[in-house]
Amino acid sequence: HIATDGETYGHHHRYGDMGLAWALQQVEHGWNGTRLTNYAEFRARHPATWEVQIAEDSSWSCAHGTARWRDDCGCNGGRAGWNQRWRRPLRDTLDWLRDKVATALDHVGGLLFRDPWAARDAYISVVLERSAAARGRFLAEHAAHPLSVDERVRALSMMEMARHAMLMFTSCGWFFDELSGIETVQCLRYAARAAELLDGLGGTSIEPELIDRLSAASSNLEEEGDGRAVWLRHVASARVDAAKVCAHVAVRALVEPDEVAAGPVYGYDVELIEPHEHRSGRTRLVAGELRATSRQTEATTRLCFAGLHLGEQHVTGGVRPVPPRAEWQSVVGELTAAFRSADVFAATRVLDRHFPGHELSLSALLPGSRERLLAAVLGDAIGAAEAELGAAYDRHVPLIRWLVAHELPVPEVLHAIAEASLRRRVLANLAADPASFAQLRDHLHEAADVQVNLDTPEIALAATAGLRRLIERVVGADDALDASALDTLARAADIATRMRSAVDLWFAQNATWRLLERLPELRRRAAAGDADASHAAAHLERLARALQLAVR
């Protein structure tokens, strides 16, 4: 009998998942006559002989019952001078929002569903299968009558509202010490979505009162302020709605137009309709209509956009509701005429006039693709800067070596040049396919010679990815081992495991463990005189030892 928190395996204890997998495998193989079972089977075979009474309002992590999830009971992480008085107003605020959601589910939901609460419970089938077919089956079973398009959106919005009203009570939002902690902020973001969907049903917006109630909670950190400040800084700013998604796609259409057509973006399916594009040298004009449809509620938002990309970070334009077709065609025509006249300022004035207060810039890019797009847009500038930096390092490295050899301080500017240049070279090498770990070793030695520390988590992460790509080359399309690739991998693993910053070896170790199943056959062939098998076996054993795997 084992009863442990699932987070024990891999979260609290690294590689605990691997240890558990091994233990289960041993049981499955009949270790000491054991076998896997579950409580239902065990109880069926061995009926209960004792009765247990559960202690109500109790928990494993609070000596005060369940007060940890509503009051400043004293259970916390032990930070001196901190309190958890914020728990009570947070709980009261979310209880108030819960009741608002429940009222809406009773009244509005009763018009759309046979039993809105049964529908809420059954909605898990849609959560587990996010598809149009799953939504159709759910509504066919639970809708009170055949729904119109608008009613279908309202019904699905109600279910998402009810789902987020449950998510906002996630336990860890109260468990830890700080109102502005990521756990509590995430619960507030769930609450924000519930409130947003509730507002969408009509009536007076409840978010202002929600924020007023939340302002009674205070952070332990002076810079975070009260619940209102936490909401504005960490919750409201993180909201991603259809307008933000359309602005993101509009900027993408400006900076990489060949890549934008249609597709999923942050829970929306976005379609670019009737795009208009004109180019003049590095300058590009793009205008079009965007249709964003929520993949949860099926609500559709139509917006139009127009913008100029003048190169690098220079993006200007706007996003706004779609006007009547004739008016939109007039806007596009006016923009096109100004652009073709080679008067960028005239085109900018047209944008300002037709998109007042709806400015578009690179800041509209959403996390996830933002870094990649910025790297592409700023690629020329970054490349030029890196080349200049590398040339400066190559010019001054003899001086840096001389200073280090004579135990003299290296000026800050020279140290910064050396660190930045060597770091970029190492990351570029590890990003290559295949990555050269021999060059990595040389770069690390060179860094040591100039007193630069390249043994960093960033480079360890890149080494993890490089090691994975090398592993994928070991087995050919014919399922045969590539001895040369295996030799390279063994050398790379030896270097990676010697780095002070831990390289994640999970994938490499598991892949090598599977490769070791071939070792007996390789040894048999080697004993029969097969030189290739002998080399492959030797490289495989060396790889296993480098990854700290036992070889029998």
Protein backbone atom coordinates (compact mmCIF):
# COMPACT_ATOMS: atom_id res chain seq x y z
CA HIS A 1 0.00 0.00 0.00
CA ILE A 2 1.44 3.36 -1.09
CA ALA A 3 -0.38 6.66 -0.59
CA THR A 4 1.65 9.67 -1.73
CA ASP A 5 1.00 12.96 -3.47
CA GLY A 6 1.36 12.64 -7.24
CA GLU A 7 3.65 15.70 -7.22
CA THR A 8 6.19 13.62 -5.31
CA TYR A 9 7.16 11.86 -8.51
CA GLY A 10 9.16 14.28 -10.61
CA HIS A 11 8.03 17.62 -9.14
CA HIS A 12 9.19 17.48 -5.52
CA HIS A 13 11.78 14.80 -6.26
CA ARG A 14 13.62 14.93 -9.55
CA TYR A 15 13.44 11.68 -11.51
CA GLY A 16 10.87 10.37 -9.02
CA ASP A 17 8.69 9.50 -12.00
CA MET A 18 11.43 7.22 -13.31
CA GLY A 19 11.79 5.57 -9.92
CA LEU A 20 8.04 4.99 -9.73
CA ALA A 21 7.99 3.58 -13.27
CA TRP A 22 10.76 1.13 -12.34
CA ALA A 23 8.94 0.07 -9.17
CA LEU A 24 5.69 -0.51 -11.04
CA GLN A 25 7.55 -2.51 -13.66
CA GLN A 26 9.00 -4.75 -10.95
CA VAL A 27 5.54 -5.35 -9.52
CA GLU A 28 4.13 -6.09 -12.96
CA HIS A 29 6.86 -8.70 -13.36
CA GLY A 30 5.73 -10.39 -10.14
CA TRP A 31 8.40 -9.16 -7.70
CA ASN A 32 8.08 -11.22 -4.49
CA GLY A 33 4.64 -12.42 -5.58
CA THR A 34 3.18 -8.90 -5.76
CA ARG A 35 0.79 -7.49 -8.36
CA LEU A 36 -0.94 -4.19 -9.02
CA THR A 37 -4.48 -3.63 -7.78
CA ASN A 38 -6.75 -0.75 -6.80
CA TYR A 39 -8.93 0.04 -3.81
CA ALA A 40 -12.15 -1.05 -5.50
CA GLU A 41 -10.81 -4.52 -6.29
CA PHE A 42 -9.18 -4.86 -2.89
CA ARG A 43 -12.39 -3.91 -1.09
CA ALA A 44 -14.40 -6.35 -3.22
CA ARG A 45 -12.04 -9.15 -2.20
CA HIS A 46 -11.72 -8.02 1.41
CA PRO A 47 -14.93 -6.41 2.71
CA ALA A 48 -14.62 -3.69 5.34
CA THR A 49 -14.60 -4.77 8.99
CA TRP A 50 -14.05 -1.32 10.52
CA GLU A 51 -16.04 1.91 10.25
CA VAL A 52 -14.28 5.26 9.87
CA GLN A 53 -15.77 8.65 10.64
CA ILE A 54 -14.30 11.52 8.65
CA ALA A 55 -13.40 14.62 10.65
CA GLU A 56 -15.30 17.44 8.93
CA ASP A 57 -13.55 20.71 8.00
CA SER A 58 -10.12 19.14 8.30
CA SER A 59 -7.11 19.11 6.00
CA TRP A 60 -3.64 17.65 5.93
CA SER A 61 -1.86 21.02 5.83
CA CYS A 62 -3.72 23.24 8.30
CA ALA A 63 -3.92 22.75 12.06
CA HIS A 64 -7.01 24.98 12.10
CA GLY A 65 -9.25 22.80 9.96
CA THR A 66 -9.65 24.53 6.61
CA ALA A 67 -8.91 28.09 7.76
CA ARG A 68 -5.84 28.21 5.54
CA TRP A 69 -8.21 28.74 2.60
CA ARG A 70 -10.05 31.71 4.06
CA ASP A 71 -8.25 33.33 7.03
CA ASP A 72 -4.94 34.47 8.50
CA CYS A 73 -4.78 31.30 10.58
CA GLY A 74 -1.01 31.25 10.99
CA CYS A 75 -0.32 28.42 8.52
CA ASN A 76 2.13 29.78 5.97
CA GLY A 77 5.62 29.44 4.57
CA GLY A 78 7.21 31.09 7.60
CA ARG A 79 8.33 34.44 6.17
CA ALA A 80 9.11 36.79 9.07
CA GLY A 81 6.82 39.80 9.34
CA TRP A 82 4.34 38.58 6.73
CA ASN A 83 0.66 37.92 7.29
CA GLN A 84 -2.14 36.32 5.31
CA ARG A 85 -4.94 38.73 6.20
CA TRP A 86 -5.51 39.05 2.44
CA ARG A 87 -7.12 35.59 2.43
CA ARG A 88 -10.42 36.71 3.95
CA PRO A 89 -11.23 39.56 1.49
CA LEU A 90 -10.06 37.37 -1.38
CA ARG A 91 -12.35 34.57 -0.28
CA ASP A 92 -15.28 36.93 0.29
CA THR A 93 -14.76 38.53 -3.14
CA LEU A 94 -14.68 35.23 -4.98
CA ASP A 95 -17.65 33.90 -2.99
CA TRP A 96 -19.57 37.01 -4.10
CA LEU A 97 -18.58 36.42 -7.73
CA ARG A 98 -19.52 32.74 -7.41
CA ASP A 99 -23.00 33.71 -6.26
CA LYS A 100 -23.38 36.11 -9.20
CA VAL A 101 -22.39 33.32 -11.59
CA ALA A 102 -24.80 30.88 -9.91
CA THR A 103 -27.68 33.35 -10.23
CA ALA A 104 -26.94 33.81 -13.93
CA LEU A 105 -26.70 30.07 -14.42
CA ASP A 106 -30.08 29.59 -12.75
CA HIS A 107 -31.91 32.37 -14.60
CA VAL A 108 -30.28 32.69 -18.02
CA GLY A 109 -29.07 29.10 -18.09
CA GLY A 110 -32.59 27.90 -17.36
CA LEU A 111 -33.69 29.38 -20.70
CA LEU A 112 -31.00 27.54 -22.64
CA PHE A 113 -30.55 24.21 -20.84
CA ARG A 114 -32.94 21.58 -19.57
CA ASP A 115 -30.94 21.50 -16.32
CA PRO A 116 -28.12 24.10 -16.26
CA TRP A 117 -26.32 22.50 -13.31
CA ALA A 118 -26.39 19.03 -14.86
CA ALA A 119 -25.12 20.66 -18.05
CA ARG A 120 -22.29 22.27 -16.10
CA ASP A 121 -21.24 18.90 -14.71
CA ALA A 122 -21.47 17.22 -18.13
CA TYR A 123 -19.43 20.00 -19.76
CA ILE A 124 -16.29 18.12 -18.75
CA SER A 125 -16.81 16.07 -21.93
CA VAL A 126 -16.21 19.24 -23.98
CA VAL A 127 -13.20 20.27 -21.88
CA LEU A 128 -11.63 16.87 -22.56
CA GLU A 129 -12.33 17.08 -26.30
CA ARG A 130 -12.08 20.62 -27.61
CA SER A 131 -13.80 20.15 -30.96
CA ALA A 132 -16.91 21.32 -32.82
CA ALA A 133 -18.22 17.76 -32.74
CA ALA A 134 -17.94 17.56 -28.94
CA ARG A 135 -19.72 20.89 -28.53
CA GLY A 136 -22.46 19.72 -30.90
CA ARG A 137 -23.02 16.47 -29.00
CA PHE A 138 -23.10 18.32 -25.68
CA LEU A 139 -25.67 20.88 -26.82
CA ALA A 140 -27.79 18.24 -28.55
CA GLU A 141 -28.08 16.41 -25.24
CA HIS A 142 -28.50 19.33 -22.82
CA ALA A 143 -30.02 22.29 -24.71
CA ALA A 144 -33.63 23.09 -23.85
CA HIS A 145 -34.47 23.55 -27.54
CA PRO A 146 -32.67 23.85 -30.89
CA LEU A 147 -30.38 26.84 -30.42
CA SER A 148 -29.81 29.71 -32.81
CA VAL A 149 -26.23 30.81 -33.54
CA ASP A 150 -26.43 33.55 -30.90
CA GLU A 151 -28.03 31.22 -28.35
CA ARG A 152 -25.33 28.65 -29.00
CA VAL A 153 -22.66 31.26 -28.21
CA ARG A 154 -24.49 32.28 -25.02
CA ALA A 155 -24.89 28.66 -23.92
CA LEU A 156 -21.22 27.85 -24.42
CA SER A 157 -20.21 31.13 -22.78
CA MET A 158 -22.28 30.17 -19.72
CA MET A 159 -20.49 26.85 -19.47
CA GLU A 160 -17.08 28.52 -19.73
CA MET A 161 -18.20 31.07 -17.13
CA ALA A 162 -19.21 28.26 -14.75
CA ARG A 163 -15.95 26.42 -15.42
CA HIS A 164 -13.83 29.45 -14.57
CA ALA A 165 -15.95 30.09 -11.48
CA MET A 166 -14.75 26.69 -10.25
CA LEU A 167 -11.16 27.18 -11.40
CA MET A 168 -10.85 30.41 -9.42
CA PHE A 169 -11.10 28.39 -6.20
CA THR A 170 -7.99 26.35 -7.01
CA SER A 171 -6.44 25.42 -3.66
CA CYS A 172 -2.97 26.88 -4.14
CA GLY A 173 -4.43 30.38 -4.53
CA TRP A 174 -4.78 30.53 -0.73
CA PHE A 175 -2.20 27.98 0.33
CA PHE A 176 0.88 30.16 -0.01
CA ASP A 177 1.95 33.42 1.58
CA GLU A 178 1.41 36.30 -0.84
CA LEU A 179 -1.50 37.95 -2.61
CA SER A 180 0.65 38.77 -5.64
CA GLY A 181 2.14 35.27 -5.86
CA ILE A 182 1.71 33.44 -9.15
CA GLU A 183 -0.76 30.98 -7.63
CA THR A 184 -3.17 33.64 -6.34
CA VAL A 185 -2.76 35.74 -9.47
CA GLN A 186 -3.73 32.75 -11.58
CA CYS A 187 -6.91 32.30 -9.53
CA LEU A 188 -7.67 35.99 -10.06
CA ARG A 189 -7.22 35.52 -13.80
CA TYR A 190 -9.77 32.73 -13.70
CA ALA A 191 -12.08 35.10 -11.83
CA ALA A 192 -11.48 37.79 -14.45
CA ARG A 193 -12.55 35.41 -17.21
CA ALA A 194 -15.67 34.39 -15.27
CA ALA A 195 -16.57 38.07 -14.76
CA GLU A 196 -15.88 38.88 -18.41
CA LEU A 197 -18.20 36.11 -19.60
CA LEU A 198 -20.85 37.13 -17.06
CA ASP A 199 -20.68 40.71 -18.34
CA GLY A 200 -21.14 39.36 -21.86
CA LEU A 201 -24.59 38.04 -20.89
CA GLY A 202 -25.81 41.62 -20.51
CA GLY A 203 -26.52 44.04 -17.71
CA THR A 204 -24.16 46.20 -15.68
CA SER A 205 -20.49 45.21 -15.66
CA ILE A 206 -19.54 43.63 -12.36
CA GLU A 207 -15.77 44.04 -12.71
CA PRO A 208 -15.64 47.51 -11.05
CA GLU A 209 -17.37 46.21 -7.91
CA LEU A 210 -15.24 43.07 -7.97
CA ILE A 211 -12.09 45.21 -7.94
CA ASP A 212 -13.50 47.44 -5.19
CA ARG A 213 -14.12 44.39 -3.01
CA LEU A 214 -10.69 43.01 -3.75
CA SER A 215 -9.01 46.28 -2.74
CA ALA A 216 -9.60 45.30 0.91
CA ALA A 217 -6.82 42.74 0.51
CA SER A 218 -3.24 43.95 0.98
CA SER A 219 0.01 42.49 -0.26
CA ASN A 220 2.96 41.88 2.04
CA LEU A 221 5.12 43.61 -0.55
CA GLU A 222 4.95 47.40 -0.45
CA GLU A 223 5.53 47.70 -4.19
CA GLU A 224 2.54 45.45 -4.96
CA GLY A 225 0.01 47.48 -2.97
CA ASP A 226 -3.56 46.29 -2.47
CA GLY A 227 -5.79 43.91 -4.40
CA ARG A 228 -6.79 46.64 -6.85
CA ALA A 229 -3.16 47.26 -7.78
CA VAL A 230 -2.45 43.53 -8.06
CA TRP A 231 -5.48 43.17 -10.35
CA LEU A 232 -4.45 46.04 -12.62
CA ARG A 233 -0.79 45.02 -12.75
CA HIS A 234 -1.04 41.23 -13.04
CA VAL A 235 -4.60 40.36 -14.10
CA ALA A 236 -6.06 43.04 -16.35
CA SER A 237 -2.80 43.39 -18.26
CA ALA A 238 -2.70 39.63 -18.93
CA ARG A 239 -6.17 39.45 -20.47
CA VAL A 240 -6.09 38.19 -24.06
CA ASP A 241 -9.30 38.92 -25.93
CA ALA A 242 -10.26 38.86 -29.58
CA ALA A 243 -9.05 42.44 -30.10
CA LYS A 244 -5.56 41.61 -28.77
CA VAL A 245 -5.44 38.46 -30.88
CA CYS A 246 -6.39 40.41 -34.01
CA ALA A 247 -3.76 43.07 -33.24
CA HIS A 248 -1.17 40.31 -32.88
CA VAL A 249 -2.14 38.79 -36.23
CA ALA A 250 -2.17 42.23 -37.86
CA VAL A 251 1.42 42.86 -36.78
CA ARG A 252 2.40 39.41 -38.02
CA ALA A 253 0.80 40.22 -41.38
CA LEU A 254 2.98 43.32 -41.54
CA VAL A 255 6.30 41.78 -40.57
CA GLU A 256 5.95 38.29 -42.10
CA PRO A 257 3.04 38.42 -44.57
CA ASP A 258 3.97 35.17 -46.31
CA GLU A 259 3.35 33.26 -43.07
CA VAL A 260 -0.11 34.61 -42.22
CA ALA A 261 -3.31 33.17 -43.65
CA ALA A 262 -5.41 31.44 -41.00
CA GLY A 263 -4.92 29.33 -37.93
CA PRO A 264 -5.21 29.01 -34.16
CA VAL A 265 -3.97 31.87 -31.99
CA TYR A 266 -4.46 31.86 -28.20
CA GLY A 267 -7.74 29.96 -28.19
CA TYR A 268 -9.09 31.63 -31.33
CA ASP A 269 -9.27 30.53 -34.94
CA VAL A 270 -8.27 33.59 -36.94
CA GLU A 271 -8.89 34.16 -40.63
CA LEU A 272 -7.35 36.91 -42.74
CA ILE A 273 -9.92 38.06 -45.33
CA GLU A 274 -9.23 40.03 -48.52
CA PRO A 275 -5.73 41.23 -47.65
CA HIS A 276 -4.30 44.15 -49.60
CA GLU A 277 -0.52 44.32 -49.77
CA HIS A 278 1.83 46.77 -51.45
CA ARG A 279 5.62 46.99 -51.26
CA SER A 280 8.15 49.66 -52.03
CA GLY A 281 11.70 48.66 -51.16
CA ARG A 282 11.76 47.73 -47.48
CA THR A 283 8.45 49.47 -46.80
CA ARG A 284 5.26 47.43 -46.82
CA LEU A 285 1.59 48.39 -46.61
CA VAL A 286 -0.92 45.72 -45.53
CA ALA A 287 -4.65 46.09 -44.91
CA GLY A 288 -7.41 43.54 -44.48
CA GLU A 289 -10.23 42.14 -42.41
CA LEU A 290 -9.71 39.68 -39.56
CA ARG A 291 -12.30 37.23 -38.28
CA ALA A 292 -11.51 35.70 -34.87
CA THR A 293 -13.71 32.87 -33.58
CA SER A 294 -13.35 31.60 -30.03
CA ARG A 295 -12.60 27.89 -29.90
CA GLN A 296 -14.45 27.69 -26.56
CA THR A 297 -17.57 29.81 -27.03
CA GLU A 298 -17.75 30.12 -30.85
CA ALA A 299 -18.18 33.90 -30.45
CA THR A 300 -16.91 35.64 -33.59
CA THR A 301 -15.29 39.09 -33.73
CA ARG A 302 -14.71 40.96 -37.00
CA LEU A 303 -12.10 43.70 -37.11
CA CYS A 304 -10.20 45.44 -39.88
CA PHE A 305 -6.63 46.67 -39.81
CA ALA A 306 -4.14 48.61 -41.87
CA GLY A 307 -0.51 49.34 -41.22
CA LEU A 308 2.94 50.20 -42.48
CA HIS A 309 6.17 48.34 -41.80
CA LEU A 310 9.08 50.67 -42.52
CA GLY A 311 11.74 48.14 -41.56
CA GLU A 312 13.14 46.82 -38.27
CA GLN A 313 11.03 48.00 -35.31
CA HIS A 314 9.17 50.71 -37.22
CA VAL A 315 5.54 49.56 -37.38
CA THR A 316 2.54 51.84 -37.38
CA GLY A 317 -1.13 51.31 -38.04
CA GLY A 318 -4.38 50.43 -36.30
CA VAL A 319 -7.17 47.93 -35.68
CA ARG A 320 -10.86 48.89 -35.51
CA PRO A 321 -14.37 47.47 -36.04
CA VAL A 322 -15.23 46.77 -39.65
CA PRO A 323 -17.06 49.73 -41.27
CA PRO A 324 -19.56 49.36 -44.13
CA ARG A 325 -17.95 47.80 -47.19
CA ALA A 326 -17.99 50.95 -49.31
CA GLU A 327 -16.35 52.97 -46.51
CA TRP A 328 -13.65 50.31 -46.01
CA GLN A 329 -12.88 50.19 -49.72
CA SER A 330 -12.54 53.98 -49.68
CA VAL A 331 -10.05 53.76 -46.76
CA VAL A 332 -7.99 51.11 -48.56
CA GLY A 333 -8.02 53.14 -51.77
CA GLU A 334 -6.89 56.28 -49.98
CA LEU A 335 -4.08 54.40 -48.25
CA THR A 336 -2.96 52.74 -51.47
CA ALA A 337 -2.87 56.04 -53.34
CA ALA A 338 -0.79 57.69 -50.61
CA PHE A 339 1.59 54.73 -50.49
CA ARG A 340 2.06 54.60 -54.27
CA SER A 341 2.93 58.28 -54.26
CA ALA A 342 6.01 57.30 -52.21
CA ASP A 343 4.85 59.68 -49.49
CA VAL A 344 5.13 57.62 -46.30
CA PHE A 345 4.10 60.58 -44.17
CA ALA A 346 0.89 60.98 -46.18
CA ALA A 347 0.10 57.28 -45.67
CA THR A 348 0.78 57.69 -41.95
CA ARG A 349 -1.62 60.62 -41.77
CA VAL A 350 -4.32 58.52 -43.45
CA LEU A 351 -3.79 55.80 -40.84
CA ASP A 352 -4.00 58.32 -38.01
CA ARG A 353 -7.23 59.73 -39.40
CA HIS A 354 -9.01 56.43 -39.92
CA PHE A 355 -7.67 54.57 -36.86
CA PRO A 356 -7.70 57.17 -34.07
CA GLY A 357 -6.78 55.73 -30.70
CA HIS A 358 -6.17 52.24 -32.11
CA GLU A 359 -2.42 52.35 -32.62
CA LEU A 360 -0.54 49.26 -33.79
CA SER A 361 3.08 48.45 -32.94
CA LEU A 362 5.41 45.53 -32.24
CA SER A 363 4.26 45.66 -28.61
CA ALA A 364 0.98 44.06 -29.79
CA LEU A 365 2.79 40.75 -30.38
CA LEU A 366 1.68 38.13 -27.84
CA PRO A 367 4.07 35.95 -25.83
CA GLY A 368 4.99 32.68 -27.46
CA SER A 369 5.89 33.95 -30.91
CA ARG A 370 7.01 37.43 -29.84
CA GLU A 371 10.66 36.48 -29.37
CA ARG A 372 10.89 34.64 -32.70
CA LEU A 373 9.23 37.47 -34.63
CA LEU A 374 11.38 40.13 -33.00
CA ALA A 375 14.50 38.12 -33.83
CA ALA A 376 13.38 37.94 -37.47
CA VAL A 377 12.41 41.61 -37.70
CA LEU A 378 15.58 42.80 -35.98
CA GLY A 379 17.78 40.12 -37.55
CA ASP A 380 19.89 42.46 -39.68
CA ALA A 381 20.53 44.87 -36.81
CA ILE A 382 21.33 42.03 -34.38
CA GLY A 383 23.60 40.33 -36.92
CA ALA A 384 25.52 43.53 -37.56
CA ALA A 385 25.93 44.19 -33.83
CA GLU A 386 27.14 40.63 -33.19
CA ALA A 387 29.64 40.85 -36.05
CA GLU A 388 31.04 44.12 -34.67
CA LEU A 389 31.21 42.63 -31.18
CA GLY A 390 32.99 39.51 -32.43
CA ALA A 391 35.51 41.59 -34.38
CA ALA A 392 36.19 43.72 -31.27
CA TYR A 393 36.76 40.58 -29.21
CA ASP A 394 39.15 39.09 -31.78
CA ARG A 395 41.14 42.36 -31.81
CA HIS A 396 41.42 42.61 -28.06
CA VAL A 397 41.66 38.96 -26.96
CA PRO A 398 45.53 39.00 -26.93
CA LEU A 399 45.37 41.93 -24.48
CA ILE A 400 42.76 40.16 -22.33
CA ARG A 401 44.89 37.00 -22.22
CA TRP A 402 47.96 39.04 -21.26
CA LEU A 403 46.07 40.77 -18.43
CA VAL A 404 44.78 37.45 -17.08
CA ALA A 405 48.20 35.80 -17.36
CA HIS A 406 49.75 38.62 -15.32
CA GLU A 407 46.91 38.56 -12.77
CA LEU A 408 45.86 42.08 -13.67
CA PRO A 409 42.19 43.16 -13.64
CA VAL A 410 40.42 42.99 -16.99
CA PRO A 411 38.59 46.29 -17.68
CA GLU A 412 34.83 45.94 -17.48
CA VAL A 413 34.27 46.86 -21.12
CA LEU A 414 36.72 44.20 -22.37
CA HIS A 415 35.22 41.59 -20.07
CA ALA A 416 31.72 42.43 -21.35
CA ILE A 417 32.85 42.12 -24.98
CA ALA A 418 34.49 38.75 -24.28
CA GLU A 419 31.48 37.39 -22.40
CA ALA A 420 28.89 38.47 -24.97
CA SER A 421 30.94 37.33 -27.98
CA LEU A 422 31.86 33.90 -26.62
CA ARG A 423 28.33 33.30 -25.36
CA ARG A 424 26.85 34.01 -28.80
CA ARG A 425 29.40 31.74 -30.48
CA VAL A 426 28.65 28.89 -28.10
CA LEU A 427 24.87 29.24 -28.52
CA ALA A 428 25.22 29.41 -32.32
CA ASN A 429 27.37 26.27 -32.27
CA LEU A 430 24.90 24.37 -30.08
CA ALA A 431 21.99 25.48 -32.28
CA ALA A 432 23.70 24.03 -35.37
CA ASP A 433 22.65 20.64 -36.69
CA PRO A 434 24.57 18.71 -35.60
CA ALA A 435 25.88 20.58 -32.57
CA SER A 436 29.63 20.33 -32.05
CA PHE A 437 30.40 19.49 -28.44
CA ALA A 438 34.10 19.43 -29.30
CA GLN A 439 33.80 23.13 -30.15
CA LEU A 440 31.82 23.62 -26.94
CA ARG A 441 34.73 22.14 -24.99
CA ASP A 442 37.18 24.45 -26.81
CA HIS A 443 34.98 27.48 -26.17
CA LEU A 444 34.74 26.62 -22.46
CA HIS A 445 38.53 26.33 -22.28
CA GLU A 446 38.91 29.66 -24.08
CA ALA A 447 36.41 31.26 -21.72
CA ALA A 448 38.42 30.02 -18.75
CA ASP A 449 41.56 31.56 -20.27
CA VAL A 450 39.91 34.99 -20.40
CA GLN A 451 38.06 34.60 -17.09
CA VAL A 452 34.56 34.42 -18.56
CA ASN A 453 32.03 31.99 -17.12
CA LEU A 454 30.11 30.28 -19.92
CA ASP A 455 28.97 27.39 -17.78
CA THR A 456 25.50 28.91 -17.39
CA PRO A 457 21.92 27.55 -17.30
CA GLU A 458 21.22 29.14 -20.71
CA ILE A 459 24.08 27.24 -22.32
CA ALA A 460 23.19 24.07 -20.40
CA LEU A 461 19.68 24.30 -21.89
CA ALA A 462 21.14 24.71 -25.38
CA ALA A 463 23.43 21.73 -24.71
CA THR A 464 20.38 19.66 -23.73
CA ALA A 465 18.74 20.44 -27.08
CA GLY A 466 21.99 19.75 -28.98
CA LEU A 467 22.42 16.42 -27.23
CA ARG A 468 18.89 15.43 -28.17
CA ARG A 469 19.50 16.19 -31.84
CA LEU A 470 22.64 14.05 -31.79
CA ILE A 471 20.71 11.15 -30.26
CA GLU A 472 18.15 11.33 -33.05
CA ARG A 473 20.96 10.69 -35.57
CA VAL A 474 22.20 7.48 -33.97
CA VAL A 475 19.57 5.15 -35.42
CA GLY A 476 19.26 5.23 -39.21
CA ALA A 477 16.19 4.79 -41.37
CA ASP A 478 17.04 1.07 -41.64
CA ASP A 479 17.02 0.80 -37.82
CA ALA A 480 20.79 0.20 -37.85
CA LEU A 481 23.13 1.94 -35.43
CA ASP A 482 25.44 4.58 -36.90
CA ALA A 483 28.74 3.83 -35.12
CA SER A 484 30.25 7.20 -36.06
CA ALA A 485 27.21 9.08 -34.75
CA LEU A 486 27.32 6.95 -31.59
CA ASP A 487 30.97 7.87 -31.07
CA THR A 488 30.15 11.58 -31.49
CA LEU A 489 27.24 11.23 -29.06
CA ALA A 490 29.41 9.50 -26.45
CA ARG A 491 31.99 12.29 -26.63
CA ALA A 492 29.25 14.92 -26.40
CA ALA A 493 27.66 13.24 -23.38
CA ASP A 494 31.03 13.13 -21.63
CA ILE A 495 31.44 16.89 -22.11
CA ALA A 496 27.83 17.69 -21.18
CA THR A 497 27.97 15.76 -17.91
CA ARG A 498 31.12 17.64 -16.86
CA MET A 499 29.44 21.05 -17.05
CA ARG A 500 28.76 22.70 -13.70
CA SER A 501 25.31 23.86 -14.82
CA ALA A 502 23.25 20.71 -14.98
CA VAL A 503 22.40 19.57 -18.49
CA ASP A 504 19.02 17.80 -18.50
CA LEU A 505 19.90 14.19 -19.29
CA TRP A 506 16.39 12.74 -18.97
CA PHE A 507 15.82 12.22 -22.69
CA ALA A 508 19.41 11.09 -23.32
CA GLN A 509 19.32 8.56 -20.49
CA ASN A 510 16.00 7.08 -21.57
CA ALA A 511 17.06 6.88 -25.20
CA THR A 512 20.36 5.26 -24.23
CA TRP A 513 18.56 2.81 -21.96
CA ARG A 514 16.56 1.65 -24.96
CA LEU A 515 19.72 1.45 -27.08
CA LEU A 516 21.32 -0.80 -24.44
CA GLU A 517 18.80 -3.47 -25.39
CA ARG A 518 20.93 -3.91 -28.52
CA LEU A 519 24.13 -4.43 -26.56
CA PRO A 520 23.94 -8.25 -26.15
CA GLU A 521 23.49 -8.68 -29.91
CA LEU A 522 26.34 -6.25 -30.64
CA ARG A 523 28.61 -8.18 -28.29
CA ARG A 524 27.63 -11.46 -29.91
CA ARG A 525 28.45 -10.12 -33.36
CA ALA A 526 31.69 -8.58 -32.09
CA ALA A 527 32.77 -11.93 -30.64
CA ALA A 528 32.14 -13.45 -34.08
CA GLY A 529 34.59 -10.99 -35.64
CA ASP A 530 32.29 -8.12 -36.73
CA ALA A 531 34.52 -5.02 -36.36
CA ASP A 532 31.65 -2.54 -36.85
CA ALA A 533 29.63 -4.23 -34.10
CA SER A 534 32.69 -4.15 -31.83
CA HIS A 535 33.10 -0.39 -32.34
CA ALA A 536 29.38 0.24 -31.86
CA ALA A 537 29.34 -1.80 -28.63
CA ALA A 538 32.35 0.09 -27.27
CA HIS A 539 30.80 3.47 -28.10
CA LEU A 540 27.47 2.46 -26.58
CA GLU A 541 29.11 1.31 -23.34
CA ARG A 542 31.09 4.58 -23.17
CA LEU A 543 27.88 6.57 -23.75
CA ALA A 544 26.08 4.68 -20.98
CA ARG A 545 28.91 5.27 -18.53
CA ALA A 546 29.01 8.99 -19.38
CA LEU A 547 25.28 9.16 -18.62
CA GLN A 548 25.77 7.24 -15.35
CA LEU A 549 23.83 4.19 -16.51
CA ALA A 550 24.81 0.74 -15.28
CA VAL A 551 26.09 -1.59 -18.03
CA ARG A 552 25.92 -5.32 -17.49
